[in-house]
Every structure is written in C-alpha cells, then in structure tokens.
C-alpha cells in the first residue's frame, strides 16, 4: 500500500495501525461518523420501503460507486496539495 492510500485509510479509520498524525474522520461523534449513521438509517428505511430484508443491489452499487469516487477525489486532492506545496 502506498503512502497516499495509508493516509486515506487512516483518515477513514480503516487501519489497525493508522498513521499517527492523521485524524480518524469517522471517530465516534465526529461529522463523518454522524453522517454515516444517518446514511445507514436512510438505507434501512429505503430497504423496508422496497420490501428488501437486508440490502438492495442497486443501492449497494450506488453507495459503492460513491465511495470509489470519494477515494479518487481524495487521492487527487492529496496529490495536488503536494504538487502545489499546500498553498
């Protein structure tokens, strides 16, 4: 895993041993944690309305694509920040 990925995964709280100077944006009570909880609650309500027990394939595709887009944008922001010297 390259350094950019380690930063991203540390930021998202996905590593057992995150980088020490990178904040976990999904730490309990933080904005990302609260918004993720809201998203899960909305997802559960949507599944109930659709008559799905646990998950809906199309919603899973939408969420997965969003996370892929987010990861790419974060990587690009990191690279541009390094390129332009964090101006």
PDB file of N, CA and C in Angstrom:
ATOM      1  N   UNK A   1       0.850  -1.171   0.000  1.00  0.00           N
ATOM      2  CA  UNK A   1       0.000   0.000   0.000  1.00  0.00           C
ATOM      3  C   UNK A   1       0.899   1.238   0.000  1.00  0.00           C
ATOM      4  N   UNK A   2       0.599   2.165  -0.922  1.00  0.00           N
ATOM      5  CA  UNK A   2       1.427   3.367  -0.988  1.00  0.00           C
ATOM      6  C   UNK A   2       1.015   4.368   0.103  1.00  0.00           C
ATOM      7  N   UNK A   3       1.813   5.401   0.252  1.00  0.00           N
ATOM      8  CA  UNK A   3       1.613   6.369   1.328  1.00  0.00           C
ATOM      9  C   UNK A   3       0.255   7.074   1.212  1.00  0.00           C
ATOM     10  N   UNK A   4      -0.143   7.439  -0.008  1.00  0.00           N
ATOM     11  CA  UNK A   4      -1.427   8.103  -0.210  1.00  0.00           C
ATOM     12  C   UNK A   4      -2.574   7.229   0.288  1.00  0.00           C
ATOM     13  N   UNK A   5      -2.517   5.939  -0.003  1.00  0.00           N
ATOM     14  CA  UNK A   5      -3.544   5.007   0.470  1.00  0.00           C
ATOM     15  C   UNK A   5      -3.526   4.896   1.989  1.00  0.00           C
ATOM     16  N   UNK A   6      -2.335   4.894   2.579  1.00  0.00           N
ATOM     17  CA  UNK A   6      -2.247   4.830   4.050  1.00  0.00           C
ATOM     18  C   UNK A   6      -2.868   6.072   4.690  1.00  0.00           C
ATOM     19  N   UNK A   7      -2.652   7.232   4.088  1.00  0.00           N
ATOM     20  CA  UNK A   7      -3.261   8.460   4.602  1.00  0.00           C
ATOM     21  C   UNK A   7      -4.781   8.348   4.516  1.00  0.00           C
ATOM     22  N   UNK A   8      -5.287   7.962   3.344  1.00  0.00           N
ATOM     23  CA  UNK A   8      -6.734   7.853   3.139  1.00  0.00           C
ATOM     24  C   UNK A   8      -7.352   6.846   4.108  1.00  0.00           C
ATOM     25  N   UNK A   9      -6.768   5.686   4.208  1.00  0.00           N
ATOM     26  CA  UNK A   9      -7.333   4.652   5.071  1.00  0.00           C
ATOM     27  C   UNK A   9      -7.199   5.012   6.549  1.00  0.00           C
ATOM     28  N   UNK A  10      -6.162   5.755   6.912  1.00  0.00           N
ATOM     29  CA  UNK A  10      -6.052   6.269   8.286  1.00  0.00           C
ATOM     30  C   UNK A  10      -7.158   7.283   8.538  1.00  0.00           C
ATOM     31  N   UNK A  11      -7.383   8.160   7.586  1.00  0.00           N
ATOM     32  CA  UNK A  11      -8.428   9.184   7.690  1.00  0.00           C
ATOM     33  C   UNK A  11      -9.805   8.554   7.843  1.00  0.00           C
ATOM     34  N   UNK A  12     -10.020   7.433   7.158  1.00  0.00           N
ATOM     35  CA  UNK A  12     -11.319   6.754   7.199  1.00  0.00           C
ATOM     36  C   UNK A  12     -11.437   5.753   8.345  1.00  0.00           C
ATOM     37  N   UNK A  13     -10.395   5.638   9.162  1.00  0.00           N
ATOM     38  CA  UNK A  13     -10.446   4.729  10.299  1.00  0.00           C
ATOM     39  C   UNK A  13     -10.410   3.268   9.915  1.00  0.00           C
ATOM     40  N   UNK A  14      -9.771   2.946   8.804  1.00  0.00           N
ATOM     41  CA  UNK A  14      -9.763   1.579   8.289  1.00  0.00           C
ATOM     42  C   UNK A  14      -8.518   0.778   8.655  1.00  0.00           C
ATOM     43  N   UNK A  15      -7.543   1.396   9.303  1.00  0.00           N
ATOM     44  CA  UNK A  15      -6.289   0.691   9.604  1.00  0.00           C
ATOM     45  C   UNK A  15      -6.184   0.364  11.086  1.00  0.00           C
ATOM     46  N   UNK A  16      -5.636  -0.810  11.363  1.00  0.00           N
ATOM     47  CA  UNK A  16      -5.368  -1.191  12.750  1.00  0.00           C
ATOM     48  C   UNK A  16      -4.269  -0.291  13.317  1.00  0.00           C
ATOM     49  N   UNK A  17      -3.275   0.019  12.503  1.00  0.00           N
ATOM     50  CA  UNK A  17      -2.171   0.891  12.899  1.00  0.00           C
ATOM     51  C   UNK A  17      -2.133   2.099  11.962  1.00  0.00           C
ATOM     52  N   UNK A  18      -3.003   3.094  12.215  1.00  0.00           N
ATOM     53  CA  UNK A  18      -3.049   4.260  11.329  1.00  0.00           C
ATOM     54  C   UNK A  18      -1.821   5.140  11.490  1.00  0.00           C
ATOM     55  N   UNK A  19      -1.624   6.020  10.540  1.00  0.00           N
ATOM     56  CA  UNK A  19      -0.542   6.995  10.647  1.00  0.00           C
ATOM     57  C   UNK A  19      -0.839   7.903  11.841  1.00  0.00           C
ATOM     58  N   UNK A  20       0.150   8.136  12.689  1.00  0.00           N
ATOM     59  CA  UNK A  20      -0.102   8.856  13.946  1.00  0.00           C
ATOM     60  C   UNK A  20      -0.554  10.304  13.780  1.00  0.00           C
ATOM     61  N   UNK A  21      -0.187  10.967  12.718  1.00  0.00           N
ATOM     62  CA  UNK A  21      -0.542  12.375  12.547  1.00  0.00           C
ATOM     63  C   UNK A  21      -1.782  12.581  11.682  1.00  0.00           C
ATOM     64  N   UNK A  22      -2.514  11.500  11.378  1.00  0.00           N
ATOM     65  CA  UNK A  22      -3.711  11.597  10.550  1.00  0.00           C
ATOM     66  C   UNK A  22      -4.939  11.338  11.422  1.00  0.00           C
ATOM     67  N   UNK A  23      -5.838  12.306  11.428  1.00  0.00           N
ATOM     68  CA  UNK A  23      -7.067  12.218  12.215  1.00  0.00           C
ATOM     69  C   UNK A  23      -8.004  11.173  11.629  1.00  0.00           C
ATOM     70  N   UNK A  24      -8.666  10.417  12.481  1.00  0.00           N
ATOM     71  CA  UNK A  24      -9.714   9.489  12.063  1.00  0.00           C
ATOM     72  C   UNK A  24     -11.002  10.294  11.948  1.00  0.00           C
ATOM     73  N   UNK A  25     -11.418  10.586  10.727  1.00  0.00           N
ATOM     74  CA  UNK A  25     -12.597  11.412  10.488  1.00  0.00           C
ATOM     75  C   UNK A  25     -13.893  10.698  10.858  1.00  0.00           C
ATOM     76  N   UNK A  26     -13.818   9.375  11.064  1.00  0.00           N
ATOM     77  CA  UNK A  26     -15.006   8.598  11.414  1.00  0.00           C
ATOM     78  C   UNK A  26     -15.039   8.230  12.903  1.00  0.00           C
ATOM     79  N   UNK A  27     -14.199   8.873  13.679  1.00  0.00           N
ATOM     80  CA  UNK A  27     -14.207   8.639  15.122  1.00  0.00           C
ATOM     81  C   UNK A  27     -15.587   8.976  15.667  1.00  0.00           C
ATOM     82  N   UNK A  28     -16.006   8.230  16.687  1.00  0.00           N
ATOM     83  CA  UNK A  28     -17.345   8.400  17.248  1.00  0.00           C
ATOM     84  C   UNK A  28     -17.649   9.865  17.573  1.00  0.00           C
ATOM     85  N   UNK A  29     -18.786  10.324  17.067  1.00  0.00           N
ATOM     86  CA  UNK A  29     -19.247  11.672  17.340  1.00  0.00           C
ATOM     87  C   UNK A  29     -18.813  12.719  16.329  1.00  0.00           C
ATOM     88  N   UNK A  30     -17.824  12.397  15.506  1.00  0.00           N
ATOM     89  CA  UNK A  30     -17.370  13.373  14.513  1.00  0.00           C
ATOM     90  C   UNK A  30     -18.358  13.426  13.344  1.00  0.00           C
ATOM     91  N   UNK A  31     -18.246  14.477  12.536  1.00  0.00           N
ATOM     92  CA  UNK A  31     -19.192  14.706  11.442  1.00  0.00           C
ATOM     93  C   UNK A  31     -19.338  13.482  10.531  1.00  0.00           C
ATOM     94  N   UNK A  32     -18.238  12.900  10.092  1.00  0.00           N
ATOM     95  CA  UNK A  32     -18.326  11.745   9.181  1.00  0.00           C
ATOM     96  C   UNK A  32     -19.034  10.567   9.850  1.00  0.00           C
ATOM     97  N   UNK A  33     -18.776  10.350  11.115  1.00  0.00           N
ATOM     98  CA  UNK A  33     -19.446   9.284  11.863  1.00  0.00           C
ATOM     99  C   UNK A  33     -20.946   9.537  11.921  1.00  0.00           C
ATOM    100  N   UNK A  34     -21.343  10.766  12.218  1.00  0.00           N
ATOM    101  CA  UNK A  34     -22.763  11.104  12.315  1.00  0.00           C
ATOM    102  C   UNK A  34     -23.448  10.991  10.949  1.00  0.00           C
ATOM    103  N   UNK A  35     -22.798  11.481   9.903  1.00  0.00           N
ATOM    104  CA  UNK A  35     -23.388  11.414   8.562  1.00  0.00           C
ATOM    105  C   UNK A  35     -23.477   9.972   8.066  1.00  0.00           C
ATOM    106  N   UNK A  36     -22.488   9.153   8.398  1.00  0.00           N
ATOM    107  CA  UNK A  36     -22.527   7.746   8.008  1.00  0.00           C
ATOM    108  C   UNK A  36     -23.695   7.047   8.705  1.00  0.00           C
ATOM    109  N   UNK A  37     -23.913   7.363   9.978  1.00  0.00           N
ATOM    110  CA  UNK A  37     -25.043   6.787  10.719  1.00  0.00           C
ATOM    111  C   UNK A  37     -26.370   7.216  10.088  1.00  0.00           C
ATOM    112  N   UNK A  38     -26.482   8.484   9.689  1.00  0.00           N
ATOM    113  CA  UNK A  38     -27.688   8.968   9.009  1.00  0.00           C
ATOM    114  C   UNK A  38     -27.905   8.216   7.700  1.00  0.00           C
ATOM    115  N   UNK A  39     -26.815   7.993   6.968  1.00  0.00           N
ATOM    116  CA  UNK A  39     -26.901   7.280   5.701  1.00  0.00           C
ATOM    117  C   UNK A  39     -27.391   5.851   5.925  1.00  0.00           C
ATOM    118  N   UNK A  40     -26.862   5.179   6.937  1.00  0.00           N
ATOM    119  CA  UNK A  40     -27.285   3.806   7.209  1.00  0.00           C
ATOM    120  C   UNK A  40     -28.752   3.741   7.607  1.00  0.00           C
ATOM    121  N   UNK A  41     -29.197   4.694   8.403  1.00  0.00           N
ATOM    122  CA  UNK A  41     -30.606   4.722   8.805  1.00  0.00           C
ATOM    123  C   UNK A  41     -31.507   4.932   7.584  1.00  0.00           C
ATOM    124  N   UNK A  42     -31.128   5.861   6.703  1.00  0.00           N
ATOM    125  CA  UNK A  42     -31.906   6.105   5.482  1.00  0.00           C
ATOM    126  C   UNK A  42     -31.903   4.859   4.595  1.00  0.00           C
ATOM    127  N   UNK A  43     -30.770   4.180   4.529  1.00  0.00           N
ATOM    128  CA  UNK A  43     -30.658   2.960   3.730  1.00  0.00           C
ATOM    129  C   UNK A  43     -31.603   1.879   4.266  1.00  0.00           C
ATOM    130  N   UNK A  44     -31.651   1.745   5.575  1.00  0.00           N
ATOM    131  CA  UNK A  44     -32.541   0.749   6.178  1.00  0.00           C
ATOM    132  C   UNK A  44     -34.007   1.080   5.900  1.00  0.00           C
ATOM    133  N   UNK A  45     -34.368   2.367   5.996  1.00  0.00           N
ATOM    134  CA  UNK A  45     -35.743   2.768   5.691  1.00  0.00           C
ATOM    135  C   UNK A  45     -36.078   2.484   4.228  1.00  0.00           C
ATOM    136  N   UNK A  46     -35.123   2.757   3.343  1.00  0.00           N
ATOM    137  CA  UNK A  46     -35.331   2.511   1.920  1.00  0.00           C
ATOM    138  C   UNK A  46     -35.532   1.024   1.655  1.00  0.00           C
ATOM    139  N   UNK A  47     -34.740   0.192   2.287  1.00  0.00           N
ATOM    140  CA  UNK A  47     -34.890  -1.259   2.112  1.00  0.00           C
ATOM    141  C   UNK A  47     -36.272  -1.720   2.571  1.00  0.00           C
ATOM    142  N   UNK A  48     -36.757  -1.161   3.672  1.00  0.00           N
ATOM    143  CA  UNK A  48     -38.091  -1.516   4.150  1.00  0.00           C
ATOM    144  C   UNK A  48     -39.135  -1.113   3.102  1.00  0.00           C
ATOM    145  N   UNK A  49     -39.028   0.113   2.570  1.00  0.00           N
ATOM    146  CA  UNK A  49     -39.984   0.568   1.558  1.00  0.00           C
ATOM    147  C   UNK A  49     -39.925  -0.291   0.297  1.00  0.00           C
ATOM    148  N   UNK A  50     -38.731  -0.775  -0.033  1.00  0.00           N
ATOM    149  CA  UNK A  50     -38.581  -1.618  -1.223  1.00  0.00           C
ATOM    150  C   UNK A  50     -38.945  -3.073  -0.961  1.00  0.00           C
ATOM    151  N   UNK A  51     -39.212  -3.399   0.287  1.00  0.00           N
ATOM    152  CA  UNK A  51     -39.549  -4.771   0.639  1.00  0.00           C
ATOM    153  C   UNK A  51     -38.348  -5.697   0.672  1.00  0.00           C
ATOM    154  N   UNK A  52     -37.177  -5.131   0.903  1.00  0.00           N
ATOM    155  CA  UNK A  52     -35.938  -5.913   0.974  1.00  0.00           C
ATOM    156  C   UNK A  52     -35.609  -6.190   2.431  1.00  0.00           C
ATOM    157  N   UNK A  53     -35.136  -7.395   2.705  1.00  0.00           N
ATOM    158  CA  UNK A  53     -34.808  -7.781   4.074  1.00  0.00           C
ATOM    159  C   UNK A  53     -33.560  -7.054   4.579  1.00  0.00           C
ATOM    160  N   UNK A  54     -32.467  -7.142   3.853  1.00  0.00           N
ATOM    161  CA  UNK A  54     -31.199  -6.604   4.338  1.00  0.00           C
ATOM    162  C   UNK A  54     -30.563  -5.584   3.409  1.00  0.00           C
ATOM    163  N   UNK A  55     -30.633  -5.810   2.112  1.00  0.00           N
ATOM    164  CA  UNK A  55     -29.901  -4.944   1.190  1.00  0.00           C
ATOM    165  C   UNK A  55     -30.586  -4.927  -0.175  1.00  0.00           C
ATOM    166  N   UNK A  56     -30.337  -3.862  -0.896  1.00  0.00           N
ATOM    167  CA  UNK A  56     -30.822  -3.745  -2.265  1.00  0.00           C
ATOM    168  C   UNK A  56     -29.603  -3.602  -3.167  1.00  0.00           C
ATOM    169  N   UNK A  57     -29.514  -4.430  -4.197  1.00  0.00           N
ATOM    170  CA  UNK A  57     -28.331  -4.462  -5.055  1.00  0.00           C
ATOM    171  C   UNK A  57     -28.056  -3.111  -5.712  1.00  0.00           C
ATOM    172  N   UNK A  58     -29.084  -2.446  -6.207  1.00  0.00           N
ATOM    173  CA  UNK A  58     -28.870  -1.158  -6.863  1.00  0.00           C
ATOM    174  C   UNK A  58     -28.376  -0.101  -5.886  1.00  0.00           C
ATOM    175  N   UNK A  59     -28.920  -0.089  -4.693  1.00  0.00           N
ATOM    176  CA  UNK A  59     -28.459   0.874  -3.690  1.00  0.00           C
ATOM    177  C   UNK A  59     -27.006   0.567  -3.319  1.00  0.00           C
ATOM    178  N   UNK A  60     -26.660  -0.701  -3.218  1.00  0.00           N
ATOM    179  CA  UNK A  60     -25.279  -1.089  -2.929  1.00  0.00           C
ATOM    180  C   UNK A  60     -24.337  -0.602  -4.035  1.00  0.00           C
ATOM    181  N   UNK A  61     -24.768  -0.695  -5.280  1.00  0.00           N
ATOM    182  CA  UNK A  61     -23.960  -0.212  -6.403  1.00  0.00           C
ATOM    183  C   UNK A  61     -23.764   1.297  -6.293  1.00  0.00           C
ATOM    184  N   UNK A  62     -24.843   2.024  -5.983  1.00  0.00           N
ATOM    185  CA  UNK A  62     -24.762   3.482  -5.849  1.00  0.00           C
ATOM    186  C   UNK A  62     -23.795   3.869  -4.738  1.00  0.00           C
ATOM    187  N   UNK A  63     -23.923   3.234  -3.586  1.00  0.00           N
ATOM    188  CA  UNK A  63     -23.052   3.555  -2.452  1.00  0.00           C
ATOM    189  C   UNK A  63     -21.606   3.200  -2.772  1.00  0.00           C
ATOM    190  N   UNK A  64     -21.376   2.024  -3.359  1.00  0.00           N
ATOM    191  CA  UNK A  64     -20.019   1.617  -3.717  1.00  0.00           C
ATOM    192  C   UNK A  64     -19.377   2.575  -4.712  1.00  0.00           C
ATOM    193  N   UNK A  65     -20.159   3.006  -5.700  1.00  0.00           N
ATOM    194  CA  UNK A  65     -19.637   3.948  -6.690  1.00  0.00           C
ATOM    195  C   UNK A  65     -19.295   5.281  -6.035  1.00  0.00           C
ATOM    196  N   UNK A  66     -20.142   5.729  -5.117  1.00  0.00           N
ATOM    197  CA  UNK A  66     -19.868   6.974  -4.412  1.00  0.00           C
ATOM    198  C   UNK A  66     -18.556   6.873  -3.635  1.00  0.00           C
ATOM    199  N   UNK A  67     -18.337   5.776  -2.936  1.00  0.00           N
ATOM    200  CA  UNK A  67     -17.093   5.616  -2.180  1.00  0.00           C
ATOM    201  C   UNK A  67     -15.881   5.550  -3.108  1.00  0.00           C
ATOM    202  N   UNK A  68     -16.026   4.919  -4.268  1.00  0.00           N
ATOM    203  CA  UNK A  68     -14.931   4.897  -5.246  1.00  0.00           C
ATOM    204  C   UNK A  68     -14.611   6.309  -5.742  1.00  0.00           C
ATOM    205  N   UNK A  69     -15.659   7.082  -6.030  1.00  0.00           N
ATOM    206  CA  UNK A  69     -15.469   8.468  -6.464  1.00  0.00           C
ATOM    207  C   UNK A  69     -14.797   9.279  -5.362  1.00  0.00           C
ATOM    208  N   UNK A  70     -15.263   9.105  -4.127  1.00  0.00           N
ATOM    209  CA  UNK A  70     -14.680   9.824  -2.995  1.00  0.00           C
ATOM    210  C   UNK A  70     -13.200   9.511  -2.837  1.00  0.00           C
ATOM    211  N   UNK A  71     -12.850   8.241  -2.928  1.00  0.00           N
ATOM    212  CA  UNK A  71     -11.447   7.829  -2.791  1.00  0.00           C
ATOM    213  C   UNK A  71     -10.583   8.485  -3.874  1.00  0.00           C
ATOM    214  N   UNK A  72     -11.076   8.493  -5.111  1.00  0.00           N
ATOM    215  CA  UNK A  72     -10.327   9.095  -6.221  1.00  0.00           C
ATOM    216  C   UNK A  72     -10.162  10.603  -6.017  1.00  0.00           C
ATOM    217  N   UNK A  73     -11.233  11.285  -5.616  1.00  0.00           N
ATOM    218  CA  UNK A  73     -11.139  12.725  -5.381  1.00  0.00           C
ATOM    219  C   UNK A  73     -10.183  13.041  -4.234  1.00  0.00           C
ATOM    220  N   UNK A  74     -10.233  12.252  -3.179  1.00  0.00           N
ATOM    221  CA  UNK A  74      -9.318  12.472  -2.047  1.00  0.00           C
ATOM    222  C   UNK A  74      -7.867  12.259  -2.473  1.00  0.00           C
ATOM    223  N   UNK A  75      -7.630  11.220  -3.263  1.00  0.00           N
ATOM    224  CA  UNK A  75      -6.274  10.956  -3.754  1.00  0.00           C
ATOM    225  C   UNK A  75      -5.775  12.120  -4.595  1.00  0.00           C
ATOM    226  N   UNK A  76      -6.631  12.612  -5.485  1.00  0.00           N
ATOM    227  CA  UNK A  76      -6.248  13.739  -6.343  1.00  0.00           C
ATOM    228  C   UNK A  76      -5.985  15.001  -5.506  1.00  0.00           C
ATOM    229  N   UNK A  77      -6.833  15.267  -4.519  1.00  0.00           N
ATOM    230  CA  UNK A  77      -6.628  16.440  -3.658  1.00  0.00           C
ATOM    231  C   UNK A  77      -5.290  16.334  -2.932  1.00  0.00           C
ATOM    232  N   UNK A  78      -4.967  15.144  -2.457  1.00  0.00           N
ATOM    233  CA  UNK A  78      -3.703  14.937  -1.767  1.00  0.00           C
ATOM    234  C   UNK A  78      -2.529  15.204  -2.719  1.00  0.00           C
ATOM    235  N   UNK A  79      -2.625  14.642  -3.924  1.00  0.00           N
ATOM    236  CA  UNK A  79      -1.549  14.832  -4.900  1.00  0.00           C
ATOM    237  C   UNK A  79      -1.403  16.291  -5.327  1.00  0.00           C
ATOM    238  N   UNK A  80      -2.528  16.970  -5.535  1.00  0.00           N
ATOM    239  CA  UNK A  80      -2.443  18.395  -5.904  1.00  0.00           C
ATOM    240  C   UNK A  80      -1.915  19.220  -4.749  1.00  0.00           C
ATOM    241  N   UNK A  81      -2.272  18.886  -3.539  1.00  0.00           N
ATOM    242  CA  UNK A  81      -1.727  19.591  -2.380  1.00  0.00           C
ATOM    243  C   UNK A  81      -0.219  19.449  -2.322  1.00  0.00           C
ATOM    244  N   UNK A  82       0.280  18.235  -2.565  1.00  0.00           N
ATOM    245  CA  UNK A  82       1.725  18.010  -2.579  1.00  0.00           C
ATOM    246  C   UNK A  82       2.385  18.749  -3.746  1.00  0.00           C
ATOM    247  N   UNK A  83       1.739  18.725  -4.886  1.00  0.00           N
ATOM    248  CA  UNK A  83       2.289  19.376  -6.088  1.00  0.00           C
ATOM    249  C   UNK A  83       2.400  20.899  -5.915  1.00  0.00           C
ATOM    250  N   UNK A  84       1.381  21.507  -5.354  1.00  0.00           N
ATOM    251  CA  UNK A  84       1.337  22.952  -5.230  1.00  0.00           C
ATOM    252  C   UNK A  84       1.856  23.466  -3.885  1.00  0.00           C
ATOM    253  N   UNK A  85       2.391  22.554  -3.087  1.00  0.00           N
ATOM    254  CA  UNK A  85       3.021  22.946  -1.823  1.00  0.00           C
ATOM    255  C   UNK A  85       2.056  23.434  -0.757  1.00  0.00           C
ATOM    256  N   UNK A  86       0.836  22.923  -0.771  1.00  0.00           N
ATOM    257  CA  UNK A  86      -0.154  23.278   0.241  1.00  0.00           C
ATOM    258  C   UNK A  86      -0.335  24.783   0.355  1.00  0.00           C
ATOM    259  N   UNK A  87      -0.468  25.455  -0.775  1.00  0.00           N
ATOM    260  CA  UNK A  87      -0.585  26.919  -0.801  1.00  0.00           C
ATOM    261  C   UNK A  87      -1.880  27.370  -0.212  1.00  0.00           C
TER     262      UNK A  87
END
